[in-house]
PDB file of all heavy atoms in Angstrom:
ATOM      1  N   ILE A   1      93.139  95.427  93.173  1.00  0.00           N
ATOM      2  CA  ILE A   1      92.348  95.806  94.381  1.00  0.00           C
ATOM      3  C   ILE A   1      92.930  95.051  95.612  1.00  0.00           C
ATOM      4  O   ILE A   1      93.228  93.910  95.598  1.00  0.00           O
ATOM      5  CB  ILE A   1      90.837  95.324  94.209  1.00  0.00           C
ATOM      6  CG1 ILE A   1      90.294  95.961  92.986  1.00  0.00           C
ATOM      7  CG2 ILE A   1      90.098  95.698  95.534  1.00  0.00           C
ATOM      8  CD1 ILE A   1      88.864  95.463  92.700  1.00  0.00           C
ATOM      9  N   ILE A   2      93.142  95.862  96.648  1.00  0.00           N
ATOM     10  CA  ILE A   2      93.750  95.422  97.831  1.00  0.00           C
ATOM     11  C   ILE A   2      92.665  95.464  99.022  1.00  0.00           C
ATOM     12  O   ILE A   2      92.054  96.478  99.124  1.00  0.00           O
ATOM     13  CB  ILE A   2      95.049  96.211  98.297  1.00  0.00           C
ATOM     14  CG1 ILE A   2      96.043  96.305  97.146  1.00  0.00           C
ATOM     15  CG2 ILE A   2      95.635  95.523  99.550  1.00  0.00           C
ATOM     16  CD1 ILE A   2      96.662  95.013  96.704  1.00  0.00           C
ATOM     17  N   ALA A   3      92.456  94.348  99.708  1.00  0.00           N
ATOM     18  CA  ALA A   3      91.503  94.279 100.773  1.00  0.00           C
ATOM     19  C   ALA A   3      92.244  94.668 102.140  1.00  0.00           C
ATOM     20  O   ALA A   3      93.331  94.135 102.400  1.00  0.00           O
ATOM     21  CB  ALA A   3      90.888  92.896 100.862  1.00  0.00           C
ATOM     22  N   HIS A   4      91.625  95.494 102.900  1.00  0.00           N
ATOM     23  CA  HIS A   4      92.085  95.989 104.214  1.00  0.00           C
ATOM     24  C   HIS A   4      91.121  95.635 105.326  1.00  0.00           C
ATOM     25  O   HIS A   4      89.987  95.085 104.998  1.00  0.00           O
ATOM     26  CB  HIS A   4      92.488  97.376 104.209  1.00  0.00           C
ATOM     27  CG  HIS A   4      93.266  97.864 103.052  1.00  0.00           C
ATOM     28  ND1 HIS A   4      94.583  97.595 103.056  1.00  0.00           N
ATOM     29  CD2 HIS A   4      93.037  98.494 101.878  1.00  0.00           C
ATOM     30  CE1 HIS A   4      95.200  98.138 101.924  1.00  0.00           C
ATOM     31  NE2 HIS A   4      94.218  98.561 101.228  1.00  0.00           N
ATOM     32  N   ASP A   5      91.372  96.042 106.535  1.00  0.00           N
ATOM     33  CA  ASP A   5      90.476  95.783 107.588  1.00  0.00           C
ATOM     34  C   ASP A   5      89.212  96.729 107.404  1.00  0.00           C
ATOM     35  O   ASP A   5      89.199  97.642 106.564  1.00  0.00           O
ATOM     36  CB  ASP A   5      91.081  96.151 108.932  1.00  0.00           C
ATOM     37  CG  ASP A   5      92.112  95.165 109.367  1.00  0.00           C
ATOM     38  OD1 ASP A   5      92.236  94.058 108.806  1.00  0.00           O
ATOM     39  OD2 ASP A   5      93.055  95.564 110.174  1.00  0.00           O
ATOM     40  N   ASP A   6      88.187  96.455 108.222  1.00  0.00           N
ATOM     41  CA  ASP A   6      86.946  97.256 108.298  1.00  0.00           C
ATOM     42  C   ASP A   6      86.193  97.244 106.831  1.00  0.00           C
ATOM     43  O   ASP A   6      85.523  98.307 106.531  1.00  0.00           O
ATOM     44  CB  ASP A   6      87.307  98.713 108.614  1.00  0.00           C
ATOM     45  CG  ASP A   6      87.865  98.737 110.003  1.00  0.00           C
ATOM     46  OD1 ASP A   6      87.457  98.061 110.958  1.00  0.00           O
ATOM     47  OD2 ASP A   6      88.886  99.429 110.123  1.00  0.00           O
ATOM     48  N   SER A   7      86.307  96.249 106.115  1.00  0.00           N
ATOM     49  CA  SER A   7      85.659  96.081 104.847  1.00  0.00           C
ATOM     50  C   SER A   7      86.108  97.188 103.846  1.00  0.00           C
ATOM     51  O   SER A   7      85.293  97.592 102.945  1.00  0.00           O
ATOM     52  CB  SER A   7      84.111  96.237 105.039  1.00  0.00           C
ATOM     53  OG  SER A   7      83.656  95.207 105.905  1.00  0.00           O
ATOM     54  N   LEU A   8      87.259  97.673 103.931  1.00  0.00           N
ATOM     55  CA  LEU A   8      87.676  98.728 103.011  1.00  0.00           C
ATOM     56  C   LEU A   8      88.624  98.034 101.912  1.00  0.00           C
ATOM     57  O   LEU A   8      89.322  97.068 102.165  1.00  0.00           O
ATOM     58  CB  LEU A   8      88.620  99.745 103.711  1.00  0.00           C
ATOM     59  CG  LEU A   8      87.940 100.678 104.774  1.00  0.00           C
ATOM     60  CD1 LEU A   8      88.863 101.735 105.281  1.00  0.00           C
ATOM     61  CD2 LEU A   8      86.665 101.286 104.127  1.00  0.00           C
ATOM     62  N   LEU A   9      88.489  98.586 100.742  1.00  0.00           N
ATOM     63  CA  LEU A   9      89.364  98.161  99.531  1.00  0.00           C
ATOM     64  C   LEU A   9      90.100  99.384  99.102  1.00  0.00           C
ATOM     65  O   LEU A   9      89.497 100.543  98.960  1.00  0.00           O
ATOM     66  CB  LEU A   9      88.490  97.651  98.454  1.00  0.00           C
ATOM     67  CG  LEU A   9      87.555  96.430  98.759  1.00  0.00           C
ATOM     68  CD1 LEU A   9      86.733  96.077  97.522  1.00  0.00           C
ATOM     69  CD2 LEU A   9      88.327  95.295  99.225  1.00  0.00           C
ATOM     70  N   SER A  10      91.320  99.254  98.732  1.00  0.00           N
ATOM     71  CA  SER A  10      92.039 100.345  97.931  1.00  0.00           C
ATOM     72  C   SER A  10      92.203  99.813  96.548  1.00  0.00           C
ATOM     73  O   SER A  10      92.540  98.645  96.265  1.00  0.00           O
ATOM     74  CB  SER A  10      93.341 100.565  98.642  1.00  0.00           C
ATOM     75  OG  SER A  10      94.203  99.500  98.700  1.00  0.00           O
ATOM     76  N   VAL A  11      91.876 100.678  95.549  1.00  0.00           N
ATOM     77  CA  VAL A  11      91.872 100.364  94.184  1.00  0.00           C
ATOM     78  C   VAL A  11      92.867 101.169  93.405  1.00  0.00           C
ATOM     79  O   VAL A  11      92.843 102.397  93.554  1.00  0.00           O
ATOM     80  CB  VAL A  11      90.457 100.501  93.572  1.00  0.00           C
ATOM     81  CG1 VAL A  11      90.385 100.108  92.168  1.00  0.00           C
ATOM     82  CG2 VAL A  11      89.418  99.762  94.371  1.00  0.00           C
ATOM     83  N   TYR A  12      93.685 100.558  92.540  1.00  0.00           N
ATOM     84  CA  TYR A  12      94.766 101.239  91.796  1.00  0.00           C
ATOM     85  C   TYR A  12      94.671 100.871  90.340  1.00  0.00           C
ATOM     86  O   TYR A  12      94.680  99.733  90.019  1.00  0.00           O
ATOM     87  CB  TYR A  12      96.108 100.787  92.318  1.00  0.00           C
ATOM     88  CG  TYR A  12      96.297 100.742  93.914  1.00  0.00           C
ATOM     89  CD1 TYR A  12      95.687  99.699  94.575  1.00  0.00           C
ATOM     90  CD2 TYR A  12      97.032 101.794  94.548  1.00  0.00           C
ATOM     91  CE1 TYR A  12      95.892  99.629  95.994  1.00  0.00           C
ATOM     92  CE2 TYR A  12      97.179 101.692  95.904  1.00  0.00           C
ATOM     93  CZ  TYR A  12      96.618 100.624  96.651  1.00  0.00           C
ATOM     94  OH  TYR A  12      96.774 100.618  97.925  1.00  0.00           O
ATOM     95  N   GLY A  13      94.446 101.928  89.529  1.00  0.00           N
ATOM     96  CA  GLY A  13      94.295 101.654  88.104  1.00  0.00           C
ATOM     97  C   GLY A  13      95.226 102.367  87.196  1.00  0.00           C
ATOM     98  O   GLY A  13      95.956 103.270  87.621  1.00  0.00           O
ATOM     99  N   ASN A  14      95.149 101.908  86.008  1.00  0.00           N
ATOM    100  CA  ASN A  14      95.985 102.492  84.861  1.00  0.00           C
ATOM    101  C   ASN A  14      97.515 102.143  85.004  1.00  0.00           C
ATOM    102  O   ASN A  14      98.413 102.980  84.921  1.00  0.00           O
ATOM    103  CB  ASN A  14      95.873 104.055  84.875  1.00  0.00           C
ATOM    104  CG  ASN A  14      96.161 104.624  83.499  1.00  0.00           C
ATOM    105  OD1 ASN A  14      95.872 103.990  82.452  1.00  0.00           O
ATOM    106  ND2 ASN A  14      96.806 105.789  83.445  1.00  0.00           N
ATOM    107  N   PHE A  15      97.734 100.845  85.134  1.00  0.00           N
ATOM    108  CA  PHE A  15      99.192 100.380  85.228  1.00  0.00           C
ATOM    109  C   PHE A  15      99.750  99.875  83.984  1.00  0.00           C
ATOM    110  O   PHE A  15      98.967  99.472  83.083  1.00  0.00           O
ATOM    111  CB  PHE A  15      99.165  99.177  86.295  1.00  0.00           C
ATOM    112  CG  PHE A  15      99.216  99.649  87.712  1.00  0.00           C
ATOM    113  CD1 PHE A  15      98.109  99.587  88.431  1.00  0.00           C
ATOM    114  CD2 PHE A  15     100.473  99.894  88.353  1.00  0.00           C
ATOM    115  CE1 PHE A  15      98.078  99.927  89.797  1.00  0.00           C
ATOM    116  CE2 PHE A  15     100.478 100.148  89.654  1.00  0.00           C
ATOM    117  CZ  PHE A  15      99.263 100.194  90.403  1.00  0.00           C
ATOM    118  N   ASP A  16     101.049  99.866  83.937  1.00  0.00           N
ATOM    119  CA  ASP A  16     101.819  99.069  83.045  1.00  0.00           C
ATOM    120  C   ASP A  16     101.614  97.609  83.403  1.00  0.00           C
ATOM    121  O   ASP A  16     101.931  97.243  84.536  1.00  0.00           O
ATOM    122  CB  ASP A  16     103.297  99.458  82.925  1.00  0.00           C
ATOM    123  CG  ASP A  16     104.086  98.494  82.221  1.00  0.00           C
ATOM    124  OD1 ASP A  16     104.018  98.551  80.874  1.00  0.00           O
ATOM    125  OD2 ASP A  16     104.781  97.629  82.825  1.00  0.00           O
ATOM    126  N   LYS A  17     101.116  96.752  82.458  1.00  0.00           N
ATOM    127  CA  LYS A  17     100.747  95.376  82.762  1.00  0.00           C
ATOM    128  C   LYS A  17     101.984  94.586  83.343  1.00  0.00           C
ATOM    129  O   LYS A  17     101.870  93.895  84.328  1.00  0.00           O
ATOM    130  CB  LYS A  17     100.202  94.714  81.574  1.00  0.00           C
ATOM    131  CG  LYS A  17      99.864  93.272  81.827  1.00  0.00           C
ATOM    132  CD  LYS A  17      99.233  92.627  80.542  1.00  0.00           C
ATOM    133  CE  LYS A  17      98.903  91.122  80.789  1.00  0.00           C
ATOM    134  NZ  LYS A  17      98.309  90.547  79.557  1.00  0.00           N
ATOM    135  N   ASP A  18     103.088  94.762  82.662  1.00  0.00           N
ATOM    136  CA  ASP A  18     104.274  93.901  83.086  1.00  0.00           C
ATOM    137  C   ASP A  18     104.787  94.253  84.446  1.00  0.00           C
ATOM    138  O   ASP A  18     105.085  93.372  85.277  1.00  0.00           O
ATOM    139  CB  ASP A  18     105.373  94.124  82.027  1.00  0.00           C
ATOM    140  CG  ASP A  18     105.095  93.544  80.722  1.00  0.00           C
ATOM    141  OD1 ASP A  18     104.144  92.612  80.648  1.00  0.00           O
ATOM    142  OD2 ASP A  18     105.635  93.904  79.701  1.00  0.00           O
ATOM    143  N   SER A  19     104.842  95.580  84.814  1.00  0.00           N
ATOM    144  CA  SER A  19     105.300  95.974  86.110  1.00  0.00           C
ATOM    145  C   SER A  19     104.310  95.567  87.193  1.00  0.00           C
ATOM    146  O   SER A  19     104.721  95.119  88.289  1.00  0.00           O
ATOM    147  CB  SER A  19     105.519  97.460  86.150  1.00  0.00           C
ATOM    148  OG  SER A  19     104.347  98.252  86.120  1.00  0.00           O
ATOM    149  N   LEU A  20     103.045  95.616  86.903  1.00  0.00           N
ATOM    150  CA  LEU A  20     101.999  95.240  87.889  1.00  0.00           C
ATOM    151  C   LEU A  20     102.134  93.738  88.164  1.00  0.00           C
ATOM    152  O   LEU A  20     102.143  93.322  89.337  1.00  0.00           O
ATOM    153  CB  LEU A  20     100.667  95.607  87.422  1.00  0.00           C
ATOM    154  CG  LEU A  20      99.420  95.247  88.313  1.00  0.00           C
ATOM    155  CD1 LEU A  20      99.516  96.093  89.566  1.00  0.00           C
ATOM    156  CD2 LEU A  20      98.128  95.394  87.630  1.00  0.00           C
ATOM    157  N   HIS A  21     102.213  92.925  87.195  1.00  0.00           N
ATOM    158  CA  HIS A  21     102.166  91.515  87.345  1.00  0.00           C
ATOM    159  C   HIS A  21     103.500  91.020  87.915  1.00  0.00           C
ATOM    160  O   HIS A  21     103.545  90.103  88.682  1.00  0.00           O
ATOM    161  CB  HIS A  21     101.900  90.863  86.074  1.00  0.00           C
ATOM    162  CG  HIS A  21     100.408  90.795  85.757  1.00  0.00           C
ATOM    163  ND1 HIS A  21      99.650  89.635  85.713  1.00  0.00           N
ATOM    164  CD2 HIS A  21      99.535  91.793  85.532  1.00  0.00           C
ATOM    165  CE1 HIS A  21      98.366  89.908  85.467  1.00  0.00           C
ATOM    166  NE2 HIS A  21      98.246  91.279  85.370  1.00  0.00           N
ATOM    167  N   SER A  22     104.622  91.692  87.538  1.00  0.00           N
ATOM    168  CA  SER A  22     105.906  91.177  88.095  1.00  0.00           C
ATOM    169  C   SER A  22     105.973  91.409  89.629  1.00  0.00           C
ATOM    170  O   SER A  22     106.643  90.789  90.379  1.00  0.00           O
ATOM    171  CB  SER A  22     107.057  91.858  87.421  1.00  0.00           C
ATOM    172  OG  SER A  22     107.009  93.311  87.633  1.00  0.00           O
ATOM    173  N   ASN A  23     105.297  92.460  90.067  1.00  0.00           N
ATOM    174  CA  ASN A  23     105.259  92.773  91.498  1.00  0.00           C
ATOM    175  C   ASN A  23     104.240  92.025  92.361  1.00  0.00           C
ATOM    176  O   ASN A  23     104.456  91.788  93.589  1.00  0.00           O
ATOM    177  CB  ASN A  23     105.043  94.345  91.763  1.00  0.00           C
ATOM    178  CG  ASN A  23     106.300  95.124  91.420  1.00  0.00           C
ATOM    179  OD1 ASN A  23     107.251  95.064  92.113  1.00  0.00           O
ATOM    180  ND2 ASN A  23     106.136  95.917  90.407  1.00  0.00           N
ATOM    181  N   LEU A  24     103.130  91.693  91.730  1.00  0.00           N
ATOM    182  CA  LEU A  24     101.992  91.017  92.407  1.00  0.00           C
ATOM    183  C   LEU A  24     101.655  89.637  92.110  1.00  0.00           C
ATOM    184  O   LEU A  24     100.872  88.980  92.763  1.00  0.00           O
ATOM    185  CB  LEU A  24     100.750  91.932  92.271  1.00  0.00           C
ATOM    186  CG  LEU A  24     100.796  93.337  92.889  1.00  0.00           C
ATOM    187  CD1 LEU A  24      99.462  94.018  92.755  1.00  0.00           C
ATOM    188  CD2 LEU A  24     101.195  93.342  94.367  1.00  0.00           C
ATOM    189  N   GLN A  25     102.170  89.148  91.029  1.00  0.00           N
ATOM    190  CA  GLN A  25     101.844  87.785  90.512  1.00  0.00           C
ATOM    191  C   GLN A  25     102.172  86.742  91.643  1.00  0.00           C
ATOM    192  O   GLN A  25     103.269  86.680  92.125  1.00  0.00           O
ATOM    193  CB  GLN A  25     102.593  87.436  89.240  1.00  0.00           C
ATOM    194  CG  GLN A  25     102.153  86.130  88.649  1.00  0.00           C
ATOM    195  CD  GLN A  25     100.731  86.147  88.030  1.00  0.00           C
ATOM    196  OE1 GLN A  25     100.345  87.154  87.539  1.00  0.00           O
ATOM    197  NE2 GLN A  25      99.937  85.110  88.239  1.00  0.00           N
ATOM    198  N   GLY A  26     101.100  86.030  92.089  1.00  0.00           N
ATOM    199  CA  GLY A  26     101.323  85.004  93.080  1.00  0.00           C
ATOM    200  C   GLY A  26     101.308  85.481  94.480  1.00  0.00           C
ATOM    201  O   GLY A  26     101.337  84.739  95.405  1.00  0.00           O
ATOM    202  N   LYS A  27     101.215  86.817  94.703  1.00  0.00           N
ATOM    203  CA  LYS A  27     101.161  87.355  96.080  1.00  0.00           C
ATOM    204  C   LYS A  27      99.745  87.316  96.638  1.00  0.00           C
ATOM    205  O   LYS A  27      98.779  87.571  95.968  1.00  0.00           O
ATOM    206  CB  LYS A  27     101.647  88.780  96.094  1.00  0.00           C
ATOM    207  CG  LYS A  27     103.118  88.961  96.237  1.00  0.00           C
ATOM    208  CD  LYS A  27     103.457  90.457  96.594  1.00  0.00           C
ATOM    209  CE  LYS A  27     104.955  90.572  96.868  1.00  0.00           C
ATOM    210  NZ  LYS A  27     105.296  92.020  97.376  1.00  0.00           N
ATOM    211  N   THR A  28      99.704  87.100  97.899  1.00  0.00           N
ATOM    212  CA  THR A  28      98.399  87.159  98.621  1.00  0.00           C
ATOM    213  C   THR A  28      98.508  88.319  99.596  1.00  0.00           C
ATOM    214  O   THR A  28      97.690  89.291  99.601  1.00  0.00           O
ATOM    215  CB  THR A  28      98.056  85.874  99.267  1.00  0.00           C
ATOM    216  OG1 THR A  28      99.115  85.440 100.131  1.00  0.00           O
ATOM    217  CG2 THR A  28      97.678  84.840  98.256  1.00  0.00           C
ATOM    218  N   LYS A  29      99.449  88.282 100.583  1.00  0.00           N
ATOM    219  CA  LYS A  29      99.562  89.281 101.617  1.00  0.00           C
ATOM    220  C   LYS A  29     100.476  90.374 101.014  1.00  0.00           C
ATOM    221  O   LYS A  29     101.447  90.106 100.241  1.00  0.00           O
ATOM    222  CB  LYS A  29     100.151  88.735 102.862  1.00  0.00           C
ATOM    223  CG  LYS A  29      99.185  87.854 103.587  1.00  0.00           C
ATOM    224  CD  LYS A  29      99.807  87.415 104.910  1.00  0.00           C
ATOM    225  CE  LYS A  29      98.820  86.522 105.678  1.00  0.00           C
ATOM    226  NZ  LYS A  29      99.355  86.061 106.981  1.00  0.00           N
ATOM    227  N   ILE A  30     100.245  91.590 101.411  1.00  0.00           N
ATOM    228  CA  ILE A  30     101.008  92.761 101.032  1.00  0.00           C
ATOM    229  C   ILE A  30     101.197  93.768 102.169  1.00  0.00           C
ATOM    230  O   ILE A  30     100.268  93.751 102.957  1.00  0.00           O
ATOM    231  CB  ILE A  30     100.488  93.405  99.729  1.00  0.00           C
ATOM    232  CG1 ILE A  30     101.401  94.435  99.072  1.00  0.00           C
ATOM    233  CG2 ILE A  30      99.114  94.108  99.992  1.00  0.00           C
ATOM    234  CD1 ILE A  30     101.024  94.756  97.653  1.00  0.00           C
ATOM    235  N   GLU A  31     102.251  94.490 102.210  1.00  0.00           N
ATOM    236  CA  GLU A  31     102.439  95.380 103.295  1.00  0.00           C
ATOM    237  C   GLU A  31     102.447  96.871 102.793  1.00  0.00           C
ATOM    238  O   GLU A  31     102.653  97.133 101.532  1.00  0.00           O
ATOM    239  CB  GLU A  31     103.788  95.069 104.002  1.00  0.00           C
ATOM    240  CG  GLU A  31     103.819  93.731 104.630  1.00  0.00           C
ATOM    241  CD  GLU A  31     105.194  93.538 105.361  1.00  0.00           C
ATOM    242  OE1 GLU A  31     106.078  94.360 105.250  1.00  0.00           O
ATOM    243  OE2 GLU A  31     105.254  92.529 106.022  1.00  0.00           O
ATOM    244  N   ALA A  32     102.230  97.751 103.706  1.00  0.00           N
ATOM    245  CA  ALA A  32     102.254  99.143 103.358  1.00  0.00           C
ATOM    246  C   ALA A  32     103.552  99.601 102.791  1.00  0.00           C
ATOM    247  O   ALA A  32     104.643  99.115 103.260  1.00  0.00           O
ATOM    248  CB  ALA A  32     101.970 100.037 104.624  1.00  0.00           C
TER     249      ALA A  32
END
C-alpha cells in the first residue's frame, strides 16, 4: 500500500514475494 496526498492510498496485490521485497524492502519514499 502506497500513501499519496489527499488521504489517498494505492493498493497493489498478487505479487511474487521476492520481487516485491527486493524492490521495496527498507524503502519509505517512492516515485511515480
